[in-house]
PDB file of N, CA and C in Angstrom:
ATOM      1  N   MET A   1     125.362  65.970  79.732  1.00  0.00           N
ATOM      2  CA  MET A   1     124.524  67.104  79.414  1.00  0.00           C
ATOM      3  C   MET A   1     125.433  68.300  79.157  1.00  0.00           C
ATOM      4  N   ASN A   2     125.296  68.938  77.997  1.00  0.00           N
ATOM      5  CA  ASN A   2     126.138  70.084  77.683  1.00  0.00           C
ATOM      6  C   ASN A   2     125.537  71.366  78.271  1.00  0.00           C
ATOM      7  N   ASN A   3     126.257  72.482  78.103  1.00  0.00           N
ATOM      8  CA  ASN A   3     125.845  73.747  78.705  1.00  0.00           C
ATOM      9  C   ASN A   3     124.511  74.243  78.168  1.00  0.00           C
ATOM     10  N   ALA A   4     124.245  74.046  76.885  1.00  0.00           N
ATOM     11  CA  ALA A   4     122.979  74.502  76.302  1.00  0.00           C
ATOM     12  C   ALA A   4     121.798  73.760  76.925  1.00  0.00           C
ATOM     13  N   ASP A   5     121.955  72.466  77.162  1.00  0.00           N
ATOM     14  CA  ASP A   5     120.884  71.689  77.782  1.00  0.00           C
ATOM     15  C   ASP A   5     120.656  72.114  79.233  1.00  0.00           C
ATOM     16  N   LYS A   6     121.749  72.421  79.942  1.00  0.00           N
ATOM     17  CA  LYS A   6     121.628  72.868  81.329  1.00  0.00           C
ATOM     18  C   LYS A   6     120.903  74.205  81.409  1.00  0.00           C
ATOM     19  N   LYS A   7     121.243  75.129  80.511  1.00  0.00           N
ATOM     20  CA  LYS A   7     120.576  76.431  80.506  1.00  0.00           C
ATOM     21  C   LYS A   7     119.101  76.278  80.180  1.00  0.00           C
ATOM     22  N   LYS A   8     118.775  75.409  79.239  1.00  0.00           N
ATOM     23  CA  LYS A   8     117.392  75.188  78.861  1.00  0.00           C
ATOM     24  C   LYS A   8     116.611  74.582  80.029  1.00  0.00           C
ATOM     25  N   ALA A   9     117.219  73.651  80.744  1.00  0.00           N
ATOM     26  CA  ALA A   9     116.558  73.030  81.887  1.00  0.00           C
ATOM     27  C   ALA A   9     116.373  74.029  83.016  1.00  0.00           C
ATOM     28  N   ASN A  10     117.349  74.894  83.239  1.00  0.00           N
ATOM     29  CA  ASN A  10     117.256  75.875  84.316  1.00  0.00           C
ATOM     30  C   ASN A  10     116.275  76.989  83.997  1.00  0.00           C
ATOM     31  N   SER A  11     116.101  77.319  82.724  1.00  0.00           N
ATOM     32  CA  SER A  11     115.229  78.426  82.359  1.00  0.00           C
ATOM     33  C   SER A  11     113.784  77.988  82.170  1.00  0.00           C
ATOM     34  N   LYS A  12     113.516  76.710  82.278  1.00  0.00           N
ATOM     35  CA  LYS A  12     112.165  76.197  82.107  1.00  0.00           C
ATOM     36  C   LYS A  12     111.291  76.652  83.272  1.00  0.00           C
ATOM     37  N   ILE A  13     110.171  77.263  82.931  1.00  0.00           N
ATOM     38  CA  ILE A  13     109.250  77.725  83.962  1.00  0.00           C
ATOM     39  C   ILE A  13     108.290  76.588  84.271  1.00  0.00           C
ATOM     40  N   THR A  14     108.275  76.177  85.523  1.00  0.00           N
ATOM     41  CA  THR A  14     107.399  75.099  85.945  1.00  0.00           C
ATOM     42  C   THR A  14     106.222  75.673  86.724  1.00  0.00           C
ATOM     43  N   SER A  15     105.210  74.860  86.894  1.00  0.00           N
ATOM     44  CA  SER A  15     104.048  75.313  87.654  1.00  0.00           C
ATOM     45  C   SER A  15     104.420  75.575  89.112  1.00  0.00           C
ATOM     46  N   ARG A  16     105.403  74.834  89.620  1.00  0.00           N
ATOM     47  CA  ARG A  16     105.835  75.066  91.000  1.00  0.00           C
ATOM     48  C   ARG A  16     106.470  76.438  91.155  1.00  0.00           C
ATOM     49  N   ARG A  17     107.263  76.862  90.153  1.00  0.00           N
ATOM     50  CA  ARG A  17     107.856  78.205  90.211  1.00  0.00           C
ATOM     51  C   ARG A  17     106.782  79.280  90.131  1.00  0.00           C
ATOM     52  N   ILE A  18     105.796  79.058  89.281  1.00  0.00           N
ATOM     53  CA  ILE A  18     104.721  80.036  89.142  1.00  0.00           C
ATOM     54  C   ILE A  18     103.963  80.174  90.455  1.00  0.00           C
ATOM     55  N   VAL A  19     103.668  79.063  91.103  1.00  0.00           N
ATOM     56  CA  VAL A  19     102.966  79.106  92.387  1.00  0.00           C
ATOM     57  C   VAL A  19     103.823  79.781  93.447  1.00  0.00           C
ATOM     58  N   ALA A  20     105.116  79.496  93.459  1.00  0.00           N
ATOM     59  CA  ALA A  20     106.010  80.131  94.439  1.00  0.00           C
ATOM     60  C   ALA A  20     106.071  81.638  94.234  1.00  0.00           C
ATOM     61  N   TRP A  21     106.208  82.078  93.004  1.00  0.00           N
ATOM     62  CA  TRP A  21     106.241  83.517  92.722  1.00  0.00           C
ATOM     63  C   TRP A  21     104.902  84.172  93.045  1.00  0.00           C
ATOM     64  N   ALA A  22     103.816  83.499  92.763  1.00  0.00           N
ATOM     65  CA  ALA A  22     102.498  84.046  93.101  1.00  0.00           C
ATOM     66  C   ALA A  22     102.364  84.213  94.609  1.00  0.00           C
ATOM     67  N   GLY A  23     102.869  83.250  95.370  1.00  0.00           N
ATOM     68  CA  GLY A  23     102.838  83.359  96.833  1.00  0.00           C
ATOM     69  C   GLY A  23     103.671  84.525  97.343  1.00  0.00           C
ATOM     70  N   ILE A  24     104.843  84.707  96.765  1.00  0.00           N
ATOM     71  CA  ILE A  24     105.704  85.827  97.162  1.00  0.00           C
ATOM     72  C   ILE A  24     105.025  87.159  96.860  1.00  0.00           C
ATOM     73  N   ILE A  25     104.483  87.276  95.668  1.00  0.00           N
ATOM     74  CA  ILE A  25     103.820  88.529  95.272  1.00  0.00           C
ATOM     75  C   ILE A  25     102.592  88.781  96.141  1.00  0.00           C
ATOM     76  N   LEU A  26     101.834  87.733  96.425  1.00  0.00           N
ATOM     77  CA  LEU A  26     100.652  87.877  97.271  1.00  0.00           C
ATOM     78  C   LEU A  26     101.017  88.340  98.674  1.00  0.00           C
ATOM     79  N   LEU A  27     102.041  87.749  99.252  1.00  0.00           N
ATOM     80  CA  LEU A  27     102.474  88.164 100.594  1.00  0.00           C
ATOM     81  C   LEU A  27     102.994  89.596 100.599  1.00  0.00           C
ATOM     82  N   LEU A  28     103.796  89.953  99.605  1.00  0.00           N
ATOM     83  CA  LEU A  28     104.298  91.330  99.544  1.00  0.00           C
ATOM     84  C   LEU A  28     103.160  92.335  99.390  1.00  0.00           C
ATOM     85  N   ALA A  29     102.201  92.026  98.535  1.00  0.00           N
ATOM     86  CA  ALA A  29     101.060  92.926  98.354  1.00  0.00           C
ATOM     87  C   ALA A  29     100.268  93.055  99.651  1.00  0.00           C
ATOM     88  N   LEU A  30     100.097  91.960 100.352  1.00  0.00           N
ATOM     89  CA  LEU A  30      99.369  91.981 101.614  1.00  0.00           C
ATOM     90  C   LEU A  30     100.100  92.836 102.648  1.00  0.00           C
ATOM     91  N   TYR A  31     101.425  92.716 102.719  1.00  0.00           N
ATOM     92  CA  TYR A  31     102.196  93.522 103.665  1.00  0.00           C
ATOM     93  C   TYR A  31     102.122  95.013 103.321  1.00  0.00           C
ATOM     94  N   ILE A  32     102.217  95.330 102.058  1.00  0.00           N
ATOM     95  CA  ILE A  32     102.167  96.735 101.635  1.00  0.00           C
ATOM     96  C   ILE A  32     100.788  97.328 101.919  1.00  0.00           C
ATOM     97  N   ILE A  33      99.729  96.588 101.611  1.00  0.00           N
ATOM     98  CA  ILE A  33      98.374  97.073 101.878  1.00  0.00           C
ATOM     99  C   ILE A  33      98.158  97.263 103.378  1.00  0.00           C
ATOM    100  N   THR A  34      98.662  96.335 104.179  1.00  0.00           N
ATOM    101  CA  THR A  34      98.530  96.451 105.630  1.00  0.00           C
ATOM    102  C   THR A  34      99.280  97.668 106.148  1.00  0.00           C
ATOM    103  N   LEU A  35     100.459  97.912 105.626  1.00  0.00           N
ATOM    104  CA  LEU A  35     101.238  99.087 106.041  1.00  0.00           C
ATOM    105  C   LEU A  35     100.515 100.382 105.670  1.00  0.00           C
ATOM    106  N   ILE A  36     100.008 100.449 104.455  1.00  0.00           N
ATOM    107  CA  ILE A  36      99.290 101.655 104.014  1.00  0.00           C
ATOM    108  C   ILE A  36      98.032 101.851 104.850  1.00  0.00           C
ATOM    109  N   ALA A  37      97.308 100.784 105.128  1.00  0.00           N
ATOM    110  CA  ALA A  37      96.100 100.891 105.952  1.00  0.00           C
ATOM    111  C   ALA A  37      96.433 101.340 107.368  1.00  0.00           C
ATOM    112  N   ALA A  38      97.544 100.861 107.907  1.00  0.00           N
ATOM    113  CA  ALA A  38      97.938 101.257 109.260  1.00  0.00           C
ATOM    114  C   ALA A  38      98.318 102.726 109.325  1.00  0.00           C
ATOM    115  N   ILE A  39      98.877 103.232 108.235  1.00  0.00           N
ATOM    116  CA  ILE A  39      99.273 104.643 108.215  1.00  0.00           C
ATOM    117  C   ILE A  39      98.072 105.555 108.031  1.00  0.00           C
ATOM    118  N   PHE A  40      97.171 105.207 107.126  1.00  0.00           N
ATOM    119  CA  PHE A  40      96.092 106.123 106.750  1.00  0.00           C
ATOM    120  C   PHE A  40      94.747 105.828 107.406  1.00  0.00           C
ATOM    121  N   ASP A  41      94.448 104.598 107.743  1.00  0.00           N
ATOM    122  CA  ASP A  41      93.141 104.236 108.281  1.00  0.00           C
ATOM    123  C   ASP A  41      93.333 103.457 109.570  1.00  0.00           C
ATOM    124  N   LYS A  42      93.080 104.093 110.677  1.00  0.00           N
ATOM    125  CA  LYS A  42      93.332 103.467 111.974  1.00  0.00           C
ATOM    126  C   LYS A  42      92.271 102.427 112.340  1.00  0.00           C
ATOM    127  N   SER A  43      91.062 102.491 111.774  1.00  0.00           N
ATOM    128  CA  SER A  43      89.980 101.609 112.216  1.00  0.00           C
ATOM    129  C   SER A  43      90.161 100.154 111.789  1.00  0.00           C
ATOM    130  N   SER A  44      90.613  99.908 110.581  1.00  0.00           N
ATOM    131  CA  SER A  44      90.702  98.524 110.099  1.00  0.00           C
ATOM    132  C   SER A  44      92.120  97.969 110.116  1.00  0.00           C
ATOM    133  N   SER A  45      93.063  98.709 110.624  1.00  0.00           N
ATOM    134  CA  SER A  45      94.443  98.234 110.580  1.00  0.00           C
ATOM    135  C   SER A  45      94.666  97.013 111.465  1.00  0.00           C
ATOM    136  N   GLY A  46      93.962  96.899 112.565  1.00  0.00           N
ATOM    137  CA  GLY A  46      94.102  95.736 113.440  1.00  0.00           C
ATOM    138  C   GLY A  46      93.618  94.462 112.776  1.00  0.00           C
ATOM    139  N   LYS A  47      92.494  94.550 112.071  1.00  0.00           N
ATOM    140  CA  LYS A  47      91.961  93.385 111.367  1.00  0.00           C
ATOM    141  C   LYS A  47      92.882  92.980 110.221  1.00  0.00           C
ATOM    142  N   LEU A  48      93.416  93.963 109.497  1.00  0.00           N
ATOM    143  CA  LEU A  48      94.327  93.663 108.402  1.00  0.00           C
ATOM    144  C   LEU A  48      95.627  93.050 108.920  1.00  0.00           C
ATOM    145  N   PHE A  49      96.088  93.508 110.071  1.00  0.00           N
ATOM    146  CA  PHE A  49      97.302  92.935 110.643  1.00  0.00           C
ATOM    147  C   PHE A  49      97.079  91.471 111.025  1.00  0.00           C
ATOM    148  N   ALA A  50      95.919  91.175 111.611  1.00  0.00           N
ATOM    149  CA  ALA A  50      95.602  89.789 111.961  1.00  0.00           C
ATOM    150  C   ALA A  50      95.513  88.925 110.703  1.00  0.00           C
ATOM    151  N   LEU A  51      94.905  89.453 109.657  1.00  0.00           N
ATOM    152  CA  LEU A  51      94.828  88.736 108.389  1.00  0.00           C
ATOM    153  C   LEU A  51      96.222  88.509 107.806  1.00  0.00           C
ATOM    154  N   CYS A  52      97.078  89.495 107.942  1.00  0.00           N
ATOM    155  CA  CYS A  52      98.447  89.390 107.445  1.00  0.00           C
ATOM    156  C   CYS A  52      99.211  88.294 108.192  1.00  0.00           C
ATOM    157  N   LEU A  53      99.037  88.227 109.495  1.00  0.00           N
ATOM    158  CA  LEU A  53      99.685  87.171 110.278  1.00  0.00           C
ATOM    159  C   LEU A  53      99.173  85.787 109.880  1.00  0.00           C
ATOM    160  N   LEU A  54      97.882  85.671 109.676  1.00  0.00           N
ATOM    161  CA  LEU A  54      97.306  84.398 109.250  1.00  0.00           C
ATOM    162  C   LEU A  54      97.823  84.001 107.869  1.00  0.00           C
ATOM    163  N   ALA A  55      97.870  84.951 106.948  1.00  0.00           N
ATOM    164  CA  ALA A  55      98.332  84.662 105.592  1.00  0.00           C
ATOM    165  C   ALA A  55      99.815  84.325 105.557  1.00  0.00           C
ATOM    166  N   THR A  56     100.590  84.890 106.471  1.00  0.00           N
ATOM    167  CA  THR A  56     102.020  84.592 106.536  1.00  0.00           C
ATOM    168  C   THR A  56     102.255  83.116 106.830  1.00  0.00           C
ATOM    169  N   ILE A  57     101.345  82.503 107.537  1.00  0.00           N
ATOM    170  CA  ILE A  57     101.448  81.073 107.817  1.00  0.00           C
ATOM    171  C   ILE A  57     100.725  80.251 106.751  1.00  0.00           C
ATOM    172  N   ALA A  58      99.547  80.694 106.340  1.00  0.00           N
ATOM    173  CA  ALA A  58      98.700  79.897 105.448  1.00  0.00           C
ATOM    174  C   ALA A  58      99.244  79.798 104.029  1.00  0.00           C
ATOM    175  N   ILE A  59      99.737  80.879 103.466  1.00  0.00           N
ATOM    176  CA  ILE A  59     100.180  80.865 102.063  1.00  0.00           C
ATOM    177  C   ILE A  59     101.376  79.930 101.859  1.00  0.00           C
ATOM    178  N   PRO A  60     102.451  80.035 102.640  1.00  0.00           N
ATOM    179  CA  PRO A  60     103.545  79.059 102.460  1.00  0.00           C
ATOM    180  C   PRO A  60     103.110  77.619 102.722  1.00  0.00           C
ATOM    181  N   LEU A  61     102.197  77.418 103.672  1.00  0.00           N
ATOM    182  CA  LEU A  61     101.696  76.075 103.941  1.00  0.00           C
ATOM    183  C   LEU A  61     100.941  75.524 102.729  1.00  0.00           C
ATOM    184  N   LEU A  62     100.108  76.346 102.112  1.00  0.00           N
ATOM    185  CA  LEU A  62      99.386  75.917 100.914  1.00  0.00           C
ATOM    186  C   LEU A  62     100.338  75.629  99.759  1.00  0.00           C
ATOM    187  N   ILE A  63     101.390  76.425  99.627  1.00  0.00           N
ATOM    188  CA  ILE A  63     102.379  76.175  98.576  1.00  0.00           C
ATOM    189  C   ILE A  63     103.107  74.856  98.840  1.00  0.00           C
ATOM    190  N   TRP A  64     103.427  74.584 100.097  1.00  0.00           N
ATOM    191  CA  TRP A  64     104.084  73.324 100.435  1.00  0.00           C
ATOM    192  C   TRP A  64     103.170  72.148 100.120  1.00  0.00           C
ATOM    193  N   ILE A  65     101.877  72.260 100.469  1.00  0.00           N
ATOM    194  CA  ILE A  65     100.913  71.191 100.175  1.00  0.00           C
ATOM    195  C   ILE A  65     100.799  70.984  98.669  1.00  0.00           C
ATOM    196  N   TYR A  66     100.755  72.076  97.903  1.00  0.00           N
ATOM    197  CA  TYR A  66     100.699  71.953  96.444  1.00  0.00           C
ATOM    198  C   TYR A  66     101.927  71.215  95.918  1.00  0.00           C
ATOM    199  N   THR A  67     103.102  71.569  96.407  1.00  0.00           N
ATOM    200  CA  THR A  67     104.333  70.920  95.958  1.00  0.00           C
ATOM    201  C   THR A  67     104.343  69.446  96.330  1.00  0.00           C
ATOM    202  N   TRP A  68     103.887  69.125  97.528  1.00  0.00           N
ATOM    203  CA  TRP A  68     103.823  67.744  97.970  1.00  0.00           C
ATOM    204  C   TRP A  68     102.866  66.930  97.101  1.00  0.00           C
ATOM    205  N   LEU A  69     101.679  67.500  96.841  1.00  0.00           N
ATOM    206  CA  LEU A  69     100.711  66.802  95.996  1.00  0.00           C
ATOM    207  C   LEU A  69     101.223  66.640  94.570  1.00  0.00           C
ATOM    208  N   TYR A  70     101.901  67.658  94.060  1.00  0.00           N
ATOM    209  CA  TYR A  70     102.472  67.579  92.719  1.00  0.00           C
ATOM    210  C   TYR A  70     103.446  66.407  92.626  1.00  0.00           C
ATOM    211  N   GLY A  71     104.284  66.261  93.630  1.00  0.00           N
ATOM    212  CA  GLY A  71     105.240  65.155  93.644  1.00  0.00           C
ATOM    213  C   GLY A  71     104.561  63.802  93.742  1.00  0.00           C
ATOM    214  N   LYS A  72     103.513  63.716  94.540  1.00  0.00           N
ATOM    215  CA  LYS A  72     102.800  62.443  94.697  1.00  0.00           C
ATOM    216  C   LYS A  72     102.040  62.070  93.425  1.00  0.00           C
ATOM    217  N   ILE A  73     101.405  63.033  92.790  1.00  0.00           N
ATOM    218  CA  ILE A  73     100.604  62.753  91.597  1.00  0.00           C
ATOM    219  C   ILE A  73     101.491  62.402  90.406  1.00  0.00           C
ATOM    220  N   THR A  74     102.574  63.145  90.219  1.00  0.00           N
ATOM    221  CA  THR A  74     103.435  62.923  89.057  1.00  0.00           C
ATOM    222  C   THR A  74     104.498  61.867  89.309  1.00  0.00           C
ATOM    223  N   GLY A  75     104.738  61.529  90.567  1.00  0.00           N
ATOM    224  CA  GLY A  75     105.772  60.543  90.885  1.00  0.00           C
ATOM    225  C   GLY A  75     107.177  61.116  90.835  1.00  0.00           C
ATOM    226  N   LYS A  76     107.297  62.424  90.765  1.00  0.00           N
ATOM    227  CA  LYS A  76     108.614  63.080  90.723  1.00  0.00           C
ATOM    228  C   LYS A  76     109.082  63.383  92.136  1.00  0.00           C
ATOM    229  N   HIS A  77     110.400  63.413  92.281  1.00  0.00           N
ATOM    230  CA  HIS A  77     111.010  63.765  93.560  1.00  0.00           C
ATOM    231  C   HIS A  77     110.928  65.281  93.744  1.00  0.00           C
ATOM    232  N   THR A  78     110.388  65.720  94.875  1.00  0.00           N
ATOM    233  CA  THR A  78     110.314  67.154  95.177  1.00  0.00           C
ATOM    234  C   THR A  78     111.026  67.421  96.491  1.00  0.00           C
ATOM    235  N   ILE A  79     111.164  68.680  96.823  1.00  0.00           N
ATOM    236  CA  ILE A  79     111.841  69.076  98.048  1.00  0.00           C
ATOM    237  C   ILE A  79     111.041  68.644  99.290  1.00  0.00           C
ATOM    238  N   THR A  80     109.756  68.384  99.122  1.00  0.00           N
ATOM    239  CA  THR A  80     108.916  67.996 100.262  1.00  0.00           C
ATOM    240  C   THR A  80     109.050  66.529 100.632  1.00  0.00           C
ATOM    241  N   ASP A  81     109.747  65.736  99.807  1.00  0.00           N
ATOM    242  CA  ASP A  81     109.908  64.305 100.093  1.00  0.00           C
ATOM    243  C   ASP A  81     110.916  64.070 101.195  1.00  0.00           C
TER     244      ASP A  81
END
């Protein structure tokens, strides 16, 4: 495989990358919203913090399940194997 083929393979956007980036953006947005709510609105900050803790565990777990299912359905080797 020459350098052009390697660059093309590395620059290919896969559905797994899209899901991973969506998870990162979702978690960051959730943390920022929770921080802003804690600073400006004292009443709902506790509920948002609990939601943030739950999402910190749930979102990566869902991404892992998606990656695992992707590997099983397509028959490709993934990091979850």
